Protein backbone atom coordinates (compact mmCIF):
# COMPACT_ATOMS: atom_id res chain seq x y z
CA MET A 1 -20.03 34.65 -47.58
CA SER A 2 -16.89 33.84 -46.78
CA GLY A 3 -13.87 37.08 -46.41
CA GLU A 4 -10.35 37.93 -47.03
CA THR A 5 -7.91 35.71 -45.25
CA GLU A 6 -4.55 37.50 -46.89
CA LEU A 7 -3.11 39.65 -43.89
CA ARG A 8 -1.07 41.67 -47.08
CA THR A 9 -4.32 41.70 -48.86
CA LEU A 10 -6.40 42.92 -45.64
CA LEU A 11 -3.90 45.87 -44.73
CA GLU A 12 -4.05 47.14 -48.66
CA ARG A 13 -8.01 47.40 -48.88
CA LEU A 14 -8.58 48.12 -44.97
CA SER A 15 -10.64 51.25 -46.47
CA PRO A 16 -11.32 52.87 -43.14
CA ARG A 17 -14.27 54.56 -43.21
CA ARG A 18 -14.97 56.50 -40.05
CA ASN A 19 -19.04 56.76 -38.93
CA PRO A 20 -21.02 59.92 -38.05
CA GLY A 21 -21.33 60.42 -34.45
CA ALA A 22 -19.96 59.86 -30.97
CA TYR A 23 -20.05 56.83 -29.43
CA VAL A 24 -19.94 55.41 -25.88
CA TYR A 25 -19.96 52.28 -24.12
CA VAL A 26 -22.18 51.98 -20.69
CA VAL A 27 -23.18 49.35 -18.43
CA ALA A 28 -27.22 48.25 -19.45
CA PRO A 29 -30.04 49.68 -17.34
CA ALA A 30 -31.64 46.16 -15.77
CA GLU A 31 -35.36 47.28 -16.97
CA PRO A 32 -35.73 47.70 -20.27
CA VAL A 33 -35.25 50.95 -22.48
CA ASP A 34 -35.76 52.33 -26.11
CA ALA A 35 -32.11 52.26 -27.20
CA HIS A 36 -30.49 51.10 -30.01
CA PRO A 37 -26.21 50.11 -28.93
CA VAL A 38 -24.01 49.02 -31.89
CA VAL A 39 -22.29 46.78 -30.03
CA VAL A 40 -23.79 44.50 -27.53
CA VAL A 41 -21.00 42.38 -25.48
CA GLU A 42 -22.09 39.89 -22.21
CA GLU A 43 -19.82 39.64 -19.18
CA ASP A 44 -20.41 38.41 -15.84
CA GLU A 45 -20.38 41.63 -14.52
CA GLY A 46 -23.55 42.61 -16.33
CA THR A 47 -24.05 43.73 -20.05
CA THR A 48 -21.82 46.40 -21.91
CA TRP A 49 -23.57 48.79 -24.81
CA VAL A 50 -22.00 51.12 -27.06
CA LEU A 51 -24.40 53.68 -28.50
CA PRO A 52 -25.04 56.77 -29.87
CA ARG A 53 -23.92 59.60 -27.27
CA ALA A 54 -26.87 61.34 -27.77
CA GLU A 55 -28.67 58.35 -26.84
CA ALA A 56 -26.83 57.76 -23.37
CA ASP A 57 -27.69 61.50 -22.52
CA ARG A 58 -31.03 60.90 -23.56
CA LEU A 59 -31.26 57.32 -20.81
CA GLY A 60 -29.21 59.47 -18.24
CA LEU A 61 -26.72 56.33 -18.35
CA ALA A 62 -22.92 57.36 -17.34
CA TYR A 63 -20.06 57.08 -19.26
CA ASP A 64 -16.49 58.05 -19.66
CA TYR A 65 -15.18 57.62 -22.83
CA VAL A 66 -16.87 58.70 -25.79
CA ALA A 67 -15.51 57.15 -29.31
CA ALA A 68 -15.50 57.72 -32.69
CA TRP A 69 -16.38 54.56 -34.87
CA ILE A 70 -14.57 53.29 -37.64
CA THR A 71 -15.38 50.78 -39.85
CA LEU A 72 -12.71 48.78 -41.57
CA GLU A 73 -14.59 48.32 -44.92
CA VAL A 74 -12.32 45.34 -46.56
CA HIS A 75 -14.53 41.97 -46.15
CA SER A 76 -12.27 40.28 -43.50
CA ALA A 77 -13.00 36.87 -42.44
CA LEU A 78 -13.59 35.80 -39.20
CA ALA A 79 -10.86 33.05 -39.69
CA ALA A 80 -8.16 35.94 -40.82
CA VAL A 81 -4.96 35.90 -38.70
CA GLY A 82 -3.57 39.37 -38.00
CA LEU A 83 -5.62 42.44 -39.18
CA THR A 84 -6.53 42.91 -35.07
CA ALA A 85 -3.57 42.90 -34.09
CA ALA A 86 -1.70 45.11 -36.85
CA VAL A 87 -4.23 47.55 -36.63
CA ALA A 88 -3.88 47.72 -33.21
CA ARG A 89 -0.47 47.94 -33.67
CA ALA A 90 -0.24 50.25 -35.86
CA LEU A 91 -2.81 52.40 -33.75
CA ALA A 92 -1.03 52.20 -30.40
CA ASP A 93 2.55 53.34 -32.22
CA SER A 94 0.55 56.86 -32.94
CA GLY A 95 -0.91 56.69 -29.21
CA ILE A 96 -4.10 55.67 -30.05
CA SER A 97 -6.13 53.78 -28.27
CA ALA A 98 -8.21 50.20 -30.27
CA ASN A 99 -11.08 48.99 -29.49
CA VAL A 100 -12.06 46.09 -31.61
CA VAL A 101 -14.88 44.44 -32.64
CA ALA A 102 -15.71 42.00 -35.58
CA GLY A 103 -18.76 41.47 -36.91
CA LEU A 104 -19.08 38.87 -39.25
CA HIS A 105 -18.06 41.03 -42.30
CA HIS A 106 -16.01 43.91 -40.79
CA ASP A 107 -14.30 44.95 -38.45
CA HIS A 108 -14.87 48.05 -36.49
CA VAL A 109 -12.68 50.24 -34.20
CA PHE A 110 -14.11 52.76 -31.39
CA VAL A 111 -10.72 55.15 -31.08
CA ALA A 112 -11.27 57.84 -28.80
CA LEU A 113 -13.00 60.86 -29.84
CA GLU A 114 -10.24 63.49 -30.51
CA ARG A 115 -7.76 61.16 -32.33
CA ALA A 116 -10.31 60.06 -34.65
CA GLU A 117 -8.95 61.92 -37.65
CA ASP A 118 -5.44 60.68 -36.60
CA ALA A 119 -6.68 56.85 -36.75
CA VAL A 120 -7.99 57.07 -40.12
CA ALA A 121 -4.89 58.37 -41.71
CA VAL A 122 -3.11 55.93 -39.70
CA LEU A 123 -5.21 53.41 -41.13
CA ARG A 124 -5.43 54.50 -44.86
CA ALA A 125 -1.63 54.13 -45.06
CA PHE A 126 -1.94 50.66 -45.00
CA GLY A 127 -3.02 51.04 -48.21
CA GLU A 128 -0.81 53.48 -49.56
CA ALA A 129 2.48 51.42 -48.08
């Protein structure tokens, strides 16, 4: 189940894939609702969900950041050093915000929806370099 740890290999095999749709960050409601967040983060101030914008709209949940979800298809190890930094730096150098979440098998990057194609191109450049 362990993934790749070598940064150079990770960047060469990054294989960014944009997931369909638009995603938003919301404060989870106090009462249970029929929602399917793709990310859940527990914080002292409350629970944050990242979920499809259509679900947030259906539930009447407020948001102000609309994102595209990009999955880095390379199987990265949680112990890998530098992947998040390299991805964030490359996107930052292009003026693109990066909100990174690590899963057990892949890293996921949420970028401003209007910059999604630019972000994919920046990330693909790692494999072409």
